[in-house]
Amino acid sequence: MPKITLEVSEELSQQLAQVGDRLPELLALSLQQPAIPAEIYRYILDFLASNPTPEQIAQFQPTPQMQERLRILVTRSKAGELTPVEFKELDEYEKIEHLMVMIKTGNLAYLGSQS
């Protein structure tokens, strides 16, 4: 098994000593972070949980911060400069966009019947 040597602060060293043999497990878990920040999922879930009208669903947009991050990721992707982490992030955004398109498309028939 490979060994890794790290320089850490005294405070962190004391915290690591408390976890003992669980350190490899905790390191592995820390690497399994979601591809995008949890607040993005929360934003979408809060919107859907608010029981939006079909019109609100049709008008749903990412936040300006989300739009800017997507712009950066797409630009970096086109330039072939995405890191593996950024690739996962962009992939997750694309999955969310696909889900929202499916939700919006399901509302089109309802919106048409309201005219």
PDB file of N, CA and C in Angstrom:
ATOM      1  N   MET A   1       0.851  -1.164   0.000  1.00  0.00           N
ATOM      2  CA  MET A   1       0.000   0.000   0.000  1.00  0.00           C
ATOM      3  C   MET A   1       0.901   1.232   0.000  1.00  0.00           C
ATOM      4  N   PRO A   2       0.626   2.219  -0.882  1.00  0.00           N
ATOM      5  CA  PRO A   2       1.441   3.433  -0.917  1.00  0.00           C
ATOM      6  C   PRO A   2       1.288   4.262   0.355  1.00  0.00           C
ATOM      7  N   LYS A   3       2.346   4.983   0.682  1.00  0.00           N
ATOM      8  CA  LYS A   3       2.310   5.888   1.831  1.00  0.00           C
ATOM      9  C   LYS A   3       2.381   7.319   1.322  1.00  0.00           C
ATOM     10  N   ILE A   4       1.668   8.205   2.023  1.00  0.00           N
ATOM     11  CA  ILE A   4       1.657   9.623   1.676  1.00  0.00           C
ATOM     12  C   ILE A   4       2.137  10.404   2.887  1.00  0.00           C
ATOM     13  N   THR A   5       3.025  11.350   2.647  1.00  0.00           N
ATOM     14  CA  THR A   5       3.523  12.212   3.718  1.00  0.00           C
ATOM     15  C   THR A   5       2.982  13.610   3.478  1.00  0.00           C
ATOM     16  N   LEU A   6       2.372  14.188   4.505  1.00  0.00           N
ATOM     17  CA  LEU A   6       1.798  15.530   4.418  1.00  0.00           C
ATOM     18  C   LEU A   6       2.321  16.396   5.544  1.00  0.00           C
ATOM     19  N   GLU A   7       2.466  17.676   5.259  1.00  0.00           N
ATOM     20  CA  GLU A   7       2.766  18.643   6.305  1.00  0.00           C
ATOM     21  C   GLU A   7       1.458  19.327   6.651  1.00  0.00           C
ATOM     22  N   VAL A   8       1.082  19.275   7.922  1.00  0.00           N
ATOM     23  CA  VAL A   8      -0.172  19.883   8.372  1.00  0.00           C
ATOM     24  C   VAL A   8       0.104  20.709   9.624  1.00  0.00           C
ATOM     25  N   SER A   9      -0.844  21.578   9.929  1.00  0.00           N
ATOM     26  CA  SER A   9      -0.702  22.402  11.127  1.00  0.00           C
ATOM     27  C   SER A   9      -0.793  21.521  12.377  1.00  0.00           C
ATOM     28  N   GLU A  10      -0.354  22.056  13.483  1.00  0.00           N
ATOM     29  CA  GLU A  10      -0.432  21.324  14.750  1.00  0.00           C
ATOM     30  C   GLU A  10      -1.876  21.014  15.099  1.00  0.00           C
ATOM     31  N   GLU A  11      -2.749  21.988  14.883  1.00  0.00           N
ATOM     32  CA  GLU A  11      -4.179  21.794  15.181  1.00  0.00           C
ATOM     33  C   GLU A  11      -4.768  20.659  14.341  1.00  0.00           C
ATOM     34  N   LEU A  12      -4.470  20.655  13.041  1.00  0.00           N
ATOM     35  CA  LEU A  12      -4.977  19.582  12.186  1.00  0.00           C
ATOM     36  C   LEU A  12      -4.360  18.243  12.566  1.00  0.00           C
ATOM     37  N   SER A  13      -3.102  18.251  12.942  1.00  0.00           N
ATOM     38  CA  SER A  13      -2.440  17.027  13.372  1.00  0.00           C
ATOM     39  C   SER A  13      -3.152  16.411  14.573  1.00  0.00           C
ATOM     40  N   GLN A  14      -3.561  17.254  15.511  1.00  0.00           N
ATOM     41  CA  GLN A  14      -4.291  16.760  16.687  1.00  0.00           C
ATOM     42  C   GLN A  14      -5.654  16.184  16.280  1.00  0.00           C
ATOM     43  N   GLN A  15      -6.326  16.841  15.349  1.00  0.00           N
ATOM     44  CA  GLN A  15      -7.624  16.341  14.893  1.00  0.00           C
ATOM     45  C   GLN A  15      -7.468  15.003  14.175  1.00  0.00           C
ATOM     46  N   LEU A  16      -6.410  14.885  13.363  1.00  0.00           N
ATOM     47  CA  LEU A  16      -6.167  13.635  12.636  1.00  0.00           C
ATOM     48  C   LEU A  16      -5.831  12.492  13.592  1.00  0.00           C
ATOM     49  N   ALA A  17      -5.122  12.814  14.663  1.00  0.00           N
ATOM     50  CA  ALA A  17      -4.774  11.789  15.653  1.00  0.00           C
ATOM     51  C   ALA A  17      -6.037  11.215  16.292  1.00  0.00           C
ATOM     52  N   GLN A  18      -7.082  12.034  16.394  1.00  0.00           N
ATOM     53  CA  GLN A  18      -8.330  11.574  17.006  1.00  0.00           C
ATOM     54  C   GLN A  18      -9.094  10.595  16.114  1.00  0.00           C
ATOM     55  N   VAL A  19      -8.922  10.705  14.803  1.00  0.00           N
ATOM     56  CA  VAL A  19      -9.655   9.788  13.909  1.00  0.00           C
ATOM     57  C   VAL A  19      -8.913   8.479  13.717  1.00  0.00           C
ATOM     58  N   GLY A  20      -7.633   8.461  14.027  1.00  0.00           N
ATOM     59  CA  GLY A  20      -6.857   7.224  14.014  1.00  0.00           C
ATOM     60  C   GLY A  20      -6.927   6.458  12.707  1.00  0.00           C
ATOM     61  N   ASP A  21      -7.339   5.200  12.790  1.00  0.00           N
ATOM     62  CA  ASP A  21      -7.355   4.296  11.637  1.00  0.00           C
ATOM     63  C   ASP A  21      -8.428   4.653  10.610  1.00  0.00           C
ATOM     64  N   ARG A  22      -9.312   5.554  10.942  1.00  0.00           N
ATOM     65  CA  ARG A  22     -10.387   5.928  10.010  1.00  0.00           C
ATOM     66  C   ARG A  22      -9.936   6.958   8.977  1.00  0.00           C
ATOM     67  N   LEU A  23      -8.707   7.452   9.065  1.00  0.00           N
ATOM     68  CA  LEU A  23      -8.235   8.489   8.155  1.00  0.00           C
ATOM     69  C   LEU A  23      -8.364   8.085   6.681  1.00  0.00           C
ATOM     70  N   PRO A  24      -7.941   6.899   6.251  1.00  0.00           N
ATOM     71  CA  PRO A  24      -8.125   6.542   4.833  1.00  0.00           C
ATOM     72  C   PRO A  24      -9.599   6.582   4.398  1.00  0.00           C
ATOM     73  N   GLU A  25     -10.495   6.123   5.251  1.00  0.00           N
ATOM     74  CA  GLU A  25     -11.927   6.157   4.941  1.00  0.00           C
ATOM     75  C   GLU A  25     -12.412   7.601   4.802  1.00  0.00           C
ATOM     76  N   LEU A  26     -11.992   8.458   5.734  1.00  0.00           N
ATOM     77  CA  LEU A  26     -12.413   9.852   5.691  1.00  0.00           C
ATOM     78  C   LEU A  26     -11.851  10.577   4.473  1.00  0.00           C
ATOM     79  N   LEU A  27     -10.630  10.283   4.092  1.00  0.00           N
ATOM     80  CA  LEU A  27     -10.053  10.872   2.887  1.00  0.00           C
ATOM     81  C   LEU A  27     -10.832  10.431   1.648  1.00  0.00           C
ATOM     82  N   ALA A  28     -11.172   9.156   1.574  1.00  0.00           N
ATOM     83  CA  ALA A  28     -11.946   8.649   0.435  1.00  0.00           C
ATOM     84  C   ALA A  28     -13.305   9.326   0.355  1.00  0.00           C
ATOM     85  N   LEU A  29     -13.960   9.493   1.488  1.00  0.00           N
ATOM     86  CA  LEU A  29     -15.268  10.158   1.508  1.00  0.00           C
ATOM     87  C   LEU A  29     -15.159  11.614   1.080  1.00  0.00           C
ATOM     88  N   SER A  30     -14.088  12.278   1.477  1.00  0.00           N
ATOM     89  CA  SER A  30     -13.939  13.691   1.124  1.00  0.00           C
ATOM     90  C   SER A  30     -13.744  13.874  -0.376  1.00  0.00           C
ATOM     91  N   LEU A  31     -13.273  12.860  -1.060  1.00  0.00           N
ATOM     92  CA  LEU A  31     -13.092  12.938  -2.509  1.00  0.00           C
ATOM     93  C   LEU A  31     -14.379  12.655  -3.277  1.00  0.00           C
ATOM     94  N   GLN A  32     -15.418  12.217  -2.594  1.00  0.00           N
ATOM     95  CA  GLN A  32     -16.679  11.873  -3.240  1.00  0.00           C
ATOM     96  C   GLN A  32     -17.694  13.013  -3.120  1.00  0.00           C
ATOM     97  N   GLN A  33     -17.239  14.228  -3.226  1.00  0.00           N
ATOM     98  CA  GLN A  33     -18.114  15.386  -3.136  1.00  0.00           C
ATOM     99  C   GLN A  33     -18.998  15.457  -4.377  1.00  0.00           C
ATOM    100  N   PRO A  34     -20.181  16.052  -4.246  1.00  0.00           N
ATOM    101  CA  PRO A  34     -21.032  16.204  -5.427  1.00  0.00           C
ATOM    102  C   PRO A  34     -20.321  17.047  -6.485  1.00  0.00           C
ATOM    103  N   ALA A  35     -20.688  16.813  -7.739  1.00  0.00           N
ATOM    104  CA  ALA A  35     -20.050  17.531  -8.839  1.00  0.00           C
ATOM    105  C   ALA A  35     -20.349  19.024  -8.802  1.00  0.00           C
ATOM    106  N   ILE A  36     -21.504  19.384  -8.265  1.00  0.00           N
ATOM    107  CA  ILE A  36     -21.866  20.797  -8.147  1.00  0.00           C
ATOM    108  C   ILE A  36     -22.262  21.082  -6.707  1.00  0.00           C
ATOM    109  N   PRO A  37     -22.174  22.341  -6.296  1.00  0.00           N
ATOM    110  CA  PRO A  37     -22.496  22.665  -4.903  1.00  0.00           C
ATOM    111  C   PRO A  37     -23.936  22.306  -4.530  1.00  0.00           C
ATOM    112  N   ALA A  38     -24.124  21.915  -3.297  1.00  0.00           N
ATOM    113  CA  ALA A  38     -25.443  21.498  -2.805  1.00  0.00           C
ATOM    114  C   ALA A  38     -26.483  22.600  -2.933  1.00  0.00           C
ATOM    115  N   GLU A  39     -26.061  23.875  -2.862  1.00  0.00           N
ATOM    116  CA  GLU A  39     -27.051  24.954  -2.944  1.00  0.00           C
ATOM    117  C   GLU A  39     -27.733  25.011  -4.307  1.00  0.00           C
ATOM    118  N   ILE A  40     -27.102  24.478  -5.327  1.00  0.00           N
ATOM    119  CA  ILE A  40     -27.745  24.447  -6.646  1.00  0.00           C
ATOM    120  C   ILE A  40     -28.886  23.436  -6.639  1.00  0.00           C
ATOM    121  N   TYR A  41     -28.642  22.267  -6.071  1.00  0.00           N
ATOM    122  CA  TYR A  41     -29.724  21.283  -5.942  1.00  0.00           C
ATOM    123  C   TYR A  41     -30.844  21.851  -5.067  1.00  0.00           C
ATOM    124  N   ARG A  42     -30.453  22.531  -3.981  1.00  0.00           N
ATOM    125  CA  ARG A  42     -31.433  23.122  -3.065  1.00  0.00           C
ATOM    126  C   ARG A  42     -32.288  24.165  -3.783  1.00  0.00           C
ATOM    127  N   TYR A  43     -31.681  24.995  -4.628  1.00  0.00           N
ATOM    128  CA  TYR A  43     -32.395  26.018  -5.393  1.00  0.00           C
ATOM    129  C   TYR A  43     -33.477  25.372  -6.263  1.00  0.00           C
ATOM    130  N   ILE A  44     -33.110  24.316  -6.948  1.00  0.00           N
ATOM    131  CA  ILE A  44     -34.056  23.641  -7.845  1.00  0.00           C
ATOM    132  C   ILE A  44     -35.137  22.926  -7.038  1.00  0.00           C
ATOM    133  N   LEU A  45     -34.738  22.224  -5.984  1.00  0.00           N
ATOM    134  CA  LEU A  45     -35.721  21.520  -5.157  1.00  0.00           C
ATOM    135  C   LEU A  45     -36.679  22.484  -4.475  1.00  0.00           C
ATOM    136  N   ASP A  46     -36.166  23.607  -3.984  1.00  0.00           N
ATOM    137  CA  ASP A  46     -37.043  24.611  -3.372  1.00  0.00           C
ATOM    138  C   ASP A  46     -38.049  25.144  -4.387  1.00  0.00           C
ATOM    139  N   PHE A  47     -37.579  25.372  -5.608  1.00  0.00           N
ATOM    140  CA  PHE A  47     -38.486  25.843  -6.660  1.00  0.00           C
ATOM    141  C   PHE A  47     -39.586  24.815  -6.921  1.00  0.00           C
ATOM    142  N   LEU A  48     -39.198  23.560  -7.109  1.00  0.00           N
ATOM    143  CA  LEU A  48     -40.192  22.520  -7.407  1.00  0.00           C
ATOM    144  C   LEU A  48     -41.124  22.276  -6.225  1.00  0.00           C
ATOM    145  N   ALA A  49     -40.599  22.383  -5.012  1.00  0.00           N
ATOM    146  CA  ALA A  49     -41.417  22.168  -3.816  1.00  0.00           C
ATOM    147  C   ALA A  49     -42.383  23.317  -3.563  1.00  0.00           C
ATOM    148  N   SER A  50     -42.158  24.455  -4.211  1.00  0.00           N
ATOM    149  CA  SER A  50     -43.039  25.609  -4.018  1.00  0.00           C
ATOM    150  C   SER A  50     -44.350  25.471  -4.786  1.00  0.00           C
ATOM    151  N   ASN A  51     -44.529  24.325  -5.455  1.00  0.00           N
ATOM    152  CA  ASN A  51     -45.736  24.073  -6.247  1.00  0.00           C
ATOM    153  C   ASN A  51     -45.927  25.176  -7.291  1.00  0.00           C
ATOM    154  N   PRO A  52     -44.931  25.350  -8.174  1.00  0.00           N
ATOM    155  CA  PRO A  52     -45.000  26.432  -9.147  1.00  0.00           C
ATOM    156  C   PRO A  52     -46.112  26.209 -10.168  1.00  0.00           C
ATOM    157  N   THR A  53     -46.625  27.308 -10.677  1.00  0.00           N
ATOM    158  CA  THR A  53     -47.630  27.230 -11.737  1.00  0.00           C
ATOM    159  C   THR A  53     -46.937  26.808 -13.030  1.00  0.00           C
ATOM    160  N   PRO A  54     -47.690  26.339 -14.011  1.00  0.00           N
ATOM    161  CA  PRO A  54     -47.066  26.015 -15.306  1.00  0.00           C
ATOM    162  C   PRO A  54     -46.307  27.204 -15.900  1.00  0.00           C
ATOM    163  N   GLU A  55     -46.828  28.397 -15.723  1.00  0.00           N
ATOM    164  CA  GLU A  55     -46.146  29.591 -16.228  1.00  0.00           C
ATOM    165  C   GLU A  55     -44.811  29.799 -15.523  1.00  0.00           C
ATOM    166  N   GLN A  56     -44.787  29.599 -14.208  1.00  0.00           N
ATOM    167  CA  GLN A  56     -43.536  29.752 -13.465  1.00  0.00           C
ATOM    168  C   GLN A  56     -42.525  28.688 -13.884  1.00  0.00           C
ATOM    169  N   ILE A  57     -43.004  27.486 -14.147  1.00  0.00           N
ATOM    170  CA  ILE A  57     -42.106  26.424 -14.605  1.00  0.00           C
ATOM    171  C   ILE A  57     -41.515  26.800 -15.959  1.00  0.00           C
ATOM    172  N   ALA A  58     -42.354  27.297 -16.858  1.00  0.00           N
ATOM    173  CA  ALA A  58     -41.881  27.690 -18.191  1.00  0.00           C
ATOM    174  C   ALA A  58     -40.849  28.806 -18.107  1.00  0.00           C
ATOM    175  N   GLN A  59     -40.956  29.669 -17.104  1.00  0.00           N
ATOM    176  CA  GLN A  59     -40.050  30.806 -16.967  1.00  0.00           C
ATOM    177  C   GLN A  59     -38.838  30.515 -16.080  1.00  0.00           C
ATOM    178  N   PHE A  60     -38.767  29.334 -15.517  1.00  0.00           N
ATOM    179  CA  PHE A  60     -37.675  29.001 -14.597  1.00  0.00           C
ATOM    180  C   PHE A  60     -36.326  29.195 -15.273  1.00  0.00           C
ATOM    181  N   GLN A  61     -35.416  29.851 -14.563  1.00  0.00           N
ATOM    182  CA  GLN A  61     -34.069  30.111 -15.067  1.00  0.00           C
ATOM    183  C   GLN A  61     -33.046  29.809 -13.974  1.00  0.00           C
ATOM    184  N   PRO A  62     -31.835  29.453 -14.370  1.00  0.00           N
ATOM    185  CA  PRO A  62     -30.759  29.349 -13.381  1.00  0.00           C
ATOM    186  C   PRO A  62     -30.473  30.736 -12.807  1.00  0.00           C
ATOM    187  N   THR A  63     -29.877  30.771 -11.624  1.00  0.00           N
ATOM    188  CA  THR A  63     -29.494  32.042 -11.023  1.00  0.00           C
ATOM    189  C   THR A  63     -28.390  32.680 -11.879  1.00  0.00           C
ATOM    190  N   PRO A  64     -28.168  33.985 -11.738  1.00  0.00           N
ATOM    191  CA  PRO A  64     -27.062  34.620 -12.480  1.00  0.00           C
ATOM    192  C   PRO A  64     -25.708  33.969 -12.182  1.00  0.00           C
ATOM    193  N   GLN A  65     -25.500  33.550 -10.929  1.00  0.00           N
ATOM    194  CA  GLN A  65     -24.235  32.890 -10.580  1.00  0.00           C
ATOM    195  C   GLN A  65     -24.109  31.547 -11.317  1.00  0.00           C
ATOM    196  N   MET A  66     -25.213  30.810 -11.402  1.00  0.00           N
ATOM    197  CA  MET A  66     -25.193  29.533 -12.116  1.00  0.00           C
ATOM    198  C   MET A  66     -24.930  29.779 -13.600  1.00  0.00           C
ATOM    199  N   GLN A  67     -25.578  30.790 -14.170  1.00  0.00           N
ATOM    200  CA  GLN A  67     -25.385  31.106 -15.582  1.00  0.00           C
ATOM    201  C   GLN A  67     -23.934  31.474 -15.875  1.00  0.00           C
ATOM    202  N   GLU A  68     -23.319  32.249 -14.980  1.00  0.00           N
ATOM    203  CA  GLU A  68     -21.925  32.643 -15.167  1.00  0.00           C
ATOM    204  C   GLU A  68     -21.005  31.424 -15.078  1.00  0.00           C
ATOM    205  N   ARG A  69     -21.257  30.552 -14.110  1.00  0.00           N
ATOM    206  CA  ARG A  69     -20.418  29.353 -13.979  1.00  0.00           C
ATOM    207  C   ARG A  69     -20.561  28.471 -15.215  1.00  0.00           C
ATOM    208  N   LEU A  70     -21.777  28.328 -15.720  1.00  0.00           N
ATOM    209  CA  LEU A  70     -21.991  27.546 -16.934  1.00  0.00           C
ATOM    210  C   LEU A  70     -21.258  28.169 -18.120  1.00  0.00           C
ATOM    211  N   ARG A  71     -21.314  29.487 -18.234  1.00  0.00           N
ATOM    212  CA  ARG A  71     -20.620  30.175 -19.323  1.00  0.00           C
ATOM    213  C   ARG A  71     -19.128  29.864 -19.274  1.00  0.00           C
ATOM    214  N   ILE A  72     -18.554  29.930 -18.070  1.00  0.00           N
ATOM    215  CA  ILE A  72     -17.127  29.637 -17.905  1.00  0.00           C
ATOM    216  C   ILE A  72     -16.823  28.189 -18.290  1.00  0.00           C
ATOM    217  N   LEU A  73     -17.639  27.262 -17.807  1.00  0.00           N
ATOM    218  CA  LEU A  73     -17.397  25.843 -18.100  1.00  0.00           C
ATOM    219  C   LEU A  73     -17.514  25.551 -19.592  1.00  0.00           C
ATOM    220  N   VAL A  74     -18.521  26.118 -20.246  1.00  0.00           N
ATOM    221  CA  VAL A  74     -18.703  25.881 -21.681  1.00  0.00           C
ATOM    222  C   VAL A  74     -17.533  26.481 -22.462  1.00  0.00           C
ATOM    223  N   THR A  75     -17.101  27.672 -22.083  1.00  0.00           N
ATOM    224  CA  THR A  75     -15.957  28.309 -22.750  1.00  0.00           C
ATOM    225  C   THR A  75     -14.707  27.457 -22.593  1.00  0.00           C
ATOM    226  N   ARG A  76     -14.471  26.984 -21.364  1.00  0.00           N
ATOM    227  CA  ARG A  76     -13.292  26.139 -21.119  1.00  0.00           C
ATOM    228  C   ARG A  76     -13.407  24.800 -21.851  1.00  0.00           C
ATOM    229  N   SER A  77     -14.619  24.284 -21.950  1.00  0.00           N
ATOM    230  CA  SER A  77     -14.830  23.028 -22.661  1.00  0.00           C
ATOM    231  C   SER A  77     -14.522  23.186 -24.149  1.00  0.00           C
ATOM    232  N   LYS A  78     -15.023  24.268 -24.742  1.00  0.00           N
ATOM    233  CA  LYS A  78     -14.767  24.522 -26.166  1.00  0.00           C
ATOM    234  C   LYS A  78     -13.279  24.699 -26.440  1.00  0.00           C
ATOM    235  N   ALA A  79     -12.562  25.235 -25.471  1.00  0.00           N
ATOM    236  CA  ALA A  79     -11.117  25.438 -25.622  1.00  0.00           C
ATOM    237  C   ALA A  79     -10.322  24.176 -25.260  1.00  0.00           C
ATOM    238  N   GLY A  80     -11.012  23.130 -24.829  1.00  0.00           N
ATOM    239  CA  GLY A  80     -10.338  21.892 -24.440  1.00  0.00           C
ATOM    240  C   GLY A  80      -9.545  22.022 -23.155  1.00  0.00           C
ATOM    241  N   GLU A  81     -10.003  22.902 -22.253  1.00  0.00           N
ATOM    242  CA  GLU A  81      -9.247  23.201 -21.038  1.00  0.00           C
ATOM    243  C   GLU A  81      -9.912  22.709 -19.763  1.00  0.00           C
ATOM    244  N   LEU A  82     -10.960  21.893 -19.857  1.00  0.00           N
ATOM    245  CA  LEU A  82     -11.646  21.433 -18.649  1.00  0.00           C
ATOM    246  C   LEU A  82     -10.799  20.438 -17.877  1.00  0.00           C
ATOM    247  N   THR A  83     -10.775  20.611 -16.571  1.00  0.00           N
ATOM    248  CA  THR A  83     -10.151  19.610 -15.706  1.00  0.00           C
ATOM    249  C   THR A  83     -11.162  18.469 -15.539  1.00  0.00           C
ATOM    250  N   PRO A  84     -10.740  17.317 -15.047  1.00  0.00           N
ATOM    251  CA  PRO A  84     -11.706  16.227 -14.812  1.00  0.00           C
ATOM    252  C   PRO A  84     -12.838  16.638 -13.866  1.00  0.00           C
ATOM    253  N   VAL A  85     -12.528  17.428 -12.849  1.00  0.00           N
ATOM    254  CA  VAL A  85     -13.562  17.883 -11.907  1.00  0.00           C
ATOM    255  C   VAL A  85     -14.544  18.809 -12.618  1.00  0.00           C
ATOM    256  N   GLU A  86     -14.035  19.704 -13.444  1.00  0.00           N
ATOM    257  CA  GLU A  86     -14.910  20.615 -14.189  1.00  0.00           C
ATOM    258  C   GLU A  86     -15.756  19.856 -15.201  1.00  0.00           C
ATOM    259  N   PHE A  87     -15.187  18.817 -15.795  1.00  0.00           N
ATOM    260  CA  PHE A  87     -15.955  17.995 -16.734  1.00  0.00           C
ATOM    261  C   PHE A  87     -17.149  17.363 -16.026  1.00  0.00           C
ATOM    262  N   LYS A  88     -16.930  16.833 -14.827  1.00  0.00           N
ATOM    263  CA  LYS A  88     -18.026  16.255 -14.050  1.00  0.00           C
ATOM    264  C   LYS A  88     -19.062  17.306 -13.697  1.00  0.00           C
ATOM    265  N   GLU A  89     -18.586  18.496 -13.353  1.00  0.00           N
ATOM    266  CA  GLU A  89     -19.488  19.594 -13.005  1.00  0.00           C
ATOM    267  C   GLU A  89     -20.357  19.970 -14.203  1.00  0.00           C
ATOM    268  N   LEU A  90     -19.746  20.129 -15.375  1.00  0.00           N
ATOM    269  CA  LEU A  90     -20.495  20.473 -16.579  1.00  0.00           C
ATOM    270  C   LEU A  90     -21.480  19.366 -16.934  1.00  0.00           C
ATOM    271  N   ASP A  91     -21.061  18.134 -16.794  1.00  0.00           N
ATOM    272  CA  ASP A  91     -21.937  16.997 -17.065  1.00  0.00           C
ATOM    273  C   ASP A  91     -23.162  17.026 -16.149  1.00  0.00           C
ATOM    274  N   GLU A  92     -22.954  17.361 -14.892  1.00  0.00           N
ATOM    275  CA  GLU A  92     -24.070  17.422 -13.943  1.00  0.00           C
ATOM    276  C   GLU A  92     -25.026  18.559 -14.297  1.00  0.00           C
ATOM    277  N   TYR A  93     -24.473  19.701 -14.672  1.00  0.00           N
ATOM    278  CA  TYR A  93     -25.325  20.816 -15.119  1.00  0.00           C
ATOM    279  C   TYR A  93     -26.160  20.401 -16.333  1.00  0.00           C
ATOM    280  N   GLU A  94     -25.547  19.656 -17.254  1.00  0.00           N
ATOM    281  CA  GLU A  94     -26.273  19.207 -18.447  1.00  0.00           C
ATOM    282  C   GLU A  94     -27.404  18.249 -18.081  1.00  0.00           C
ATOM    283  N   LYS A  95     -27.171  17.382 -17.106  1.00  0.00           N
ATOM    284  CA  LYS A  95     -28.228  16.473 -16.649  1.00  0.00           C
ATOM    285  C   LYS A  95     -29.383  17.249 -16.031  1.00  0.00           C
ATOM    286  N   ILE A  96     -29.054  18.256 -15.231  1.00  0.00           N
ATOM    287  CA  ILE A  96     -30.088  19.078 -14.605  1.00  0.00           C
ATOM    288  C   ILE A  96     -30.864  19.846 -15.679  1.00  0.00           C
ATOM    289  N   GLU A  97     -30.143  20.384 -16.658  1.00  0.00           N
ATOM    290  CA  GLU A  97     -30.818  21.109 -17.741  1.00  0.00           C
ATOM    291  C   GLU A  97     -31.770  20.181 -18.491  1.00  0.00           C
ATOM    292  N   HIS A  98     -31.329  18.962 -18.763  1.00  0.00           N
ATOM    293  CA  HIS A  98     -32.188  17.985 -19.448  1.00  0.00           C
ATOM    294  C   HIS A  98     -33.446  17.706 -18.623  1.00  0.00           C
ATOM    295  N   LEU A  99     -33.295  17.533 -17.325  1.00  0.00           N
ATOM    296  CA  LEU A  99     -34.439  17.301 -16.443  1.00  0.00           C
ATOM    297  C   LEU A  99     -35.409  18.479 -16.502  1.00  0.00           C
ATOM    298  N   MET A 100     -34.888  19.707 -16.431  1.00  0.00           N
ATOM    299  CA  MET A 100     -35.756  20.883 -16.470  1.00  0.00           C
ATOM    300  C   MET A 100     -36.447  21.024 -17.825  1.00  0.00           C
ATOM    301  N   VAL A 101     -35.770  20.683 -18.907  1.00  0.00           N
ATOM    302  CA  VAL A 101     -36.404  20.711 -20.232  1.00  0.00           C
ATOM    303  C   VAL A 101     -37.559  19.718 -20.267  1.00  0.00           C
ATOM    304  N   MET A 102     -37.349  18.528 -19.705  1.00  0.00           N
ATOM    305  CA  MET A 102     -38.421  17.528 -19.661  1.00  0.00           C
ATOM    306  C   MET A 102     -39.599  18.030 -18.829  1.00  0.00           C
ATOM    307  N   ILE A 103     -39.308  18.683 -17.695  1.00  0.00           N
ATOM    308  CA  ILE A 103     -40.382  19.221 -16.850  1.00  0.00           C
ATOM    309  C   ILE A 103     -41.123  20.323 -17.596  1.00  0.00           C
ATOM    310  N   LYS A 104     -40.384  21.220 -18.245  1.00  0.00           N
ATOM    311  CA  LYS A 104     -41.014  22.309 -18.990  1.00  0.00           C
ATOM    312  C   LYS A 104     -41.833  21.780 -20.162  1.00  0.00           C
ATOM    313  N   THR A 105     -41.313  20.789 -20.864  1.00  0.00           N
ATOM    314  CA  THR A 105     -42.028  20.211 -21.998  1.00  0.00           C
ATOM    315  C   THR A 105     -43.334  19.586 -21.549  1.00  0.00           C
ATOM    316  N   GLY A 106     -43.342  18.989 -20.377  1.00  0.00           N
ATOM    317  CA  GLY A 106     -44.568  18.407 -19.837  1.00  0.00           C
ATOM    318  C   GLY A 106     -45.627  19.450 -19.552  1.00  0.00           C
ATOM    319  N   ASN A 107     -45.223  20.701 -19.401  1.00  0.00           N
ATOM    320  CA  ASN A 107     -46.159  21.788 -19.143  1.00  0.00           C
ATOM    321  C   ASN A 107     -46.696  22.425 -20.415  1.00  0.00           C
ATOM    322  N   LEU A 108     -46.109  22.171 -21.563  1.00  0.00           N
ATOM    323  CA  LEU A 108     -46.536  22.841 -22.785  1.00  0.00           C
ATOM    324  C   LEU A 108     -47.992  22.558 -23.132  1.00  0.00           C
ATOM    325  N   ALA A 109     -48.408  21.319 -22.983  1.00  0.00           N
ATOM    326  CA  ALA A 109     -49.808  20.979 -23.284  1.00  0.00           C
ATOM    327  C   ALA A 109     -50.736  21.728 -22.351  1.00  0.00           C
ATOM    328  N   TYR A 110     -50.360  21.827 -21.081  1.00  0.00           N
ATOM    329  CA  TYR A 110     -51.195  22.537 -20.109  1.00  0.00           C
ATOM    330  C   TYR A 110     -51.263  24.012 -20.437  1.00  0.00           C
ATOM    331  N   LEU A 111     -50.134  24.606 -20.799  1.00  0.00           N
ATOM    332  CA  LEU A 111     -50.120  26.029 -21.142  1.00  0.00           C
ATOM    333  C   LEU A 111     -50.961  26.305 -22.371  1.00  0.00           C
ATOM    334  N   GLY A 112     -50.915  25.401 -23.362  1.00  0.00           N
ATOM    335  CA  GLY A 112     -51.706  25.571 -24.572  1.00  0.00           C
ATOM    336  C   GLY A 112     -53.193  25.507 -24.317  1.00  0.00           C
ATOM    337  N   SER A 113     -53.620  24.700 -23.351  1.00  0.00           N
ATOM    338  CA  SER A 113     -55.051  24.558 -23.052  1.00  0.00           C
ATOM    339  C   SER A 113     -55.588  25.743 -22.252  1.00  0.00           C
ATOM    340  N   GLN A 114     -54.706  26.592 -21.730  1.00  0.00           N
ATOM    341  CA  GLN A 114     -55.112  27.745 -20.942  1.00  0.00           C
ATOM    342  C   GLN A 114     -55.475  28.950 -21.810  1.00  0.00           C
ATOM    343  N   SER A 115     -55.134  28.914 -23.100  1.00  0.00           N
ATOM    344  CA  SER A 115     -55.367  30.074 -23.979  1.00  0.00           C
ATOM    345  C   SER A 115     -56.823  30.320 -24.261  1.00  0.00           C
TER     346      SER A 115
END
